[in-house]
Protein backbone atom coordinates (compact mmCIF):
# COMPACT_ATOMS: atom_id res chain seq x y z
CA MET A 1 106.03 133.50 109.62
CA LYS A 2 108.81 130.58 110.13
CA ILE A 3 109.48 129.15 113.52
CA ASN A 4 112.22 126.43 114.07
CA ARG A 5 112.16 125.36 110.82
CA PHE A 6 107.91 124.86 110.48
CA GLY A 7 105.81 127.49 108.66
CA LYS A 8 105.61 129.58 105.58
CA ALA A 9 108.52 132.08 104.91
CA GLU A 10 107.46 135.43 105.13
CA ILE A 11 108.69 138.53 102.90
CA LEU A 12 110.57 140.97 104.21
CA ASN A 13 109.19 144.55 104.57
CA PRO A 14 111.32 147.41 103.77
CA GLN A 15 111.54 148.58 107.14
CA GLU A 16 112.60 144.61 108.08
CA ILE A 17 115.21 145.23 105.33
CA THR A 18 116.45 148.22 106.73
CA LEU A 19 116.71 146.27 110.29
CA LEU A 20 118.91 143.59 108.82
CA PHE A 21 121.08 145.99 106.96
CA SER A 22 121.59 148.22 110.17
CA GLU A 23 121.77 145.88 113.09
CA GLY A 24 121.96 142.35 112.16
CA LEU A 25 124.79 142.46 109.81
CA VAL A 26 127.12 143.66 111.60
CA LYS A 27 130.24 143.21 109.65
CA PRO A 28 130.91 144.97 106.33
CA ARG A 29 131.62 142.21 104.81
CA ASP A 30 128.37 140.81 105.20
CA ARG A 31 126.47 144.09 104.61
CA ALA A 32 128.46 143.64 101.03
CA MET A 33 127.83 140.07 100.81
CA PHE A 34 124.04 140.35 100.96
CA GLY A 35 123.68 143.60 99.55
CA VAL A 36 124.53 142.08 96.20
CA CYS A 37 122.11 139.98 96.91
CA LEU A 38 119.65 142.19 97.15
CA TYR A 39 120.64 145.08 95.02
CA ALA A 40 121.45 142.84 92.35
CA ALA A 41 119.23 139.99 92.77
CA ALA A 42 122.20 137.31 92.94
CA ARG A 43 121.46 134.02 94.46
CA ILE A 44 123.68 133.52 97.71
CA ASN A 45 126.45 131.39 95.89
CA GLU A 46 126.53 134.12 93.06
CA SER A 47 127.69 136.49 95.86
CA CYS A 48 130.02 134.24 97.70
CA THR A 49 131.69 133.28 93.94
CA LEU A 50 132.68 136.71 93.11
CA GLN A 51 135.98 137.59 92.14
CA ARG A 52 137.41 141.18 93.29
CA GLY A 53 137.98 141.92 89.68
CA ASP A 54 134.80 141.35 88.77
CA VAL A 55 133.54 144.05 91.43
CA ILE A 56 136.91 145.99 92.08
CA GLY A 57 138.55 148.27 89.58
CA THR A 58 141.98 149.89 89.60
CA ARG A 59 139.86 153.01 90.33
CA GLY A 60 137.44 151.36 92.87
CA ILE A 61 134.05 150.15 92.83
CA ARG A 62 133.16 149.28 88.88
CA PRO A 63 130.03 150.58 87.74
CA LYS A 64 128.71 147.13 86.93
CA LEU A 65 129.51 144.26 88.58
CA ILE A 66 129.90 140.82 86.59
CA ILE A 67 128.15 137.46 87.83
CA ARG A 68 130.27 134.86 85.54
CA ALA A 69 128.11 132.54 83.74
CA TYR A 70 129.51 129.24 85.60
CA ASN A 71 128.23 130.61 88.77
CA THR A 72 124.83 131.03 88.12
CA LYS A 73 122.34 128.24 88.47
CA GLY A 74 121.38 127.13 85.17
CA GLY A 75 125.52 128.32 84.05
CA GLN A 76 123.90 129.91 80.72
CA ASP A 77 124.49 133.89 80.77
CA THR A 78 127.22 135.66 82.44
CA ARG A 79 125.28 139.23 83.70
CA GLU A 80 126.40 142.23 84.08
CA ILE A 81 124.56 144.14 86.64
CA GLN A 82 124.42 148.26 87.68
CA VAL A 83 125.47 148.92 90.79
CA HIS A 84 123.45 150.52 93.09
CA PRO A 85 124.31 153.61 94.80
CA LYS A 86 123.87 151.86 98.16
CA LEU A 87 125.30 148.60 97.07
CA LYS A 88 128.41 150.92 95.66
CA GLU A 89 128.77 152.08 99.76
CA PHE A 90 128.81 148.45 101.20
CA LEU A 91 131.54 147.78 98.55
CA GLU A 92 133.44 150.81 99.71
CA GLU A 93 133.08 149.99 103.12
CA TYR A 94 134.13 146.67 102.54
CA SER A 95 137.06 146.99 100.30
CA ILE A 96 138.95 149.10 102.60
CA GLU A 97 139.54 145.86 105.02
CA LEU A 98 140.50 143.63 101.70
CA LYS A 99 143.87 141.96 102.04
CA GLY A 100 146.17 139.46 100.74
CA ARG A 101 146.10 137.66 96.98
CA ASN A 102 142.70 136.11 97.26
CA PRO A 103 140.95 136.70 94.18
CA HIS A 104 137.60 136.14 95.45
CA LEU A 105 135.49 138.80 97.00
CA PHE A 106 134.62 137.23 99.72
CA PRO A 107 137.38 134.64 100.61
CA GLY A 108 137.16 131.36 102.44
CA ARG A 109 138.62 130.81 105.98
CA HIS A 110 142.12 131.24 106.51
CA GLY A 111 142.04 133.39 102.88
CA LEU A 112 141.67 129.84 100.82
CA GLY A 113 138.75 129.93 98.31
CA HIS A 114 135.45 131.86 98.40
CA ILE A 115 133.36 131.70 101.47
CA HIS A 116 130.81 128.86 101.13
CA LYS A 117 127.50 129.29 100.98
CA ALA A 118 126.80 126.80 103.75
CA SER A 119 128.89 129.90 105.70
CA ALA A 120 127.05 132.58 104.59
CA ASP A 121 123.91 130.66 105.18
CA ARG A 122 124.68 130.78 108.71
CA ILE A 123 125.77 134.09 109.07
CA LEU A 124 122.16 135.47 107.28
CA ARG A 125 120.80 132.92 110.00
CA GLU A 126 122.62 134.68 112.89
CA ALA A 127 121.86 138.11 111.86
CA LEU A 128 117.63 137.45 111.65
CA ARG A 129 118.02 136.11 114.96
CA ARG A 130 119.92 139.10 115.76
CA VAL A 131 117.35 141.20 115.15
CA ASP A 132 114.33 138.72 116.28
CA LEU A 133 113.20 137.97 112.59
CA GLY A 134 112.30 134.24 110.78
CA TYR A 135 114.46 132.78 108.50
CA SER A 136 113.88 130.30 105.74
CA ARG A 137 116.48 129.57 102.83
CA ASP A 138 113.85 131.37 100.76
CA THR A 139 114.91 134.32 103.08
CA GLY A 140 118.22 133.87 101.86
CA LYS A 141 117.23 135.13 98.22
CA LEU A 142 117.06 138.59 99.20
CA GLY A 143 117.21 139.80 95.42
CA HIS A 144 113.23 139.08 94.85
CA ILE A 145 112.30 140.95 98.15
CA VAL A 146 113.46 144.11 96.20
CA LYS A 147 111.28 143.70 93.24
CA PHE A 148 108.09 143.02 95.89
CA CYS A 149 108.74 146.08 97.67
CA ASN A 150 109.61 148.46 94.51
CA VAL A 151 106.46 147.23 92.70
CA LYS A 152 104.47 147.91 96.20
CA GLU A 153 105.61 151.07 97.55
CA SER A 154 107.58 152.31 94.95
CA LYS A 155 110.51 154.00 97.35
CA PRO A 156 113.81 153.17 97.40
CA LEU A 157 114.63 150.60 100.34
CA ILE A 158 117.53 151.21 102.98
């Protein structure tokens, strides 16, 4: 367990992920942002920099979300990722709150630009603290957890 930035980061089990999304992440925006990390195996910066139009169309949530090449770690390829039904729920709940003309799905402070990954990191840290779970930068990579859980237990998460 990681305590005060010391120790080894643990992989969250399905019950802890459920607890995090039900009690730790209290805002629809936060559940949607980290839902993208979990269900689309996206890095936090990829989630933060999503464009509204790459996820939400004129008829609602698109069946696939697009992560643009210039927002990926290597900057190599644009990725299209199937939207998981639970992620679609999180995005629909959040889309009701979206206002303004900012093209980003997760706007930054004062509606300018996108939310910064350091702010998202702080949101995740506070959510994990709220439900008394350890934190590490690696916990921010929620995407690999889904693969681990699906291989280990073959049950849907959340």
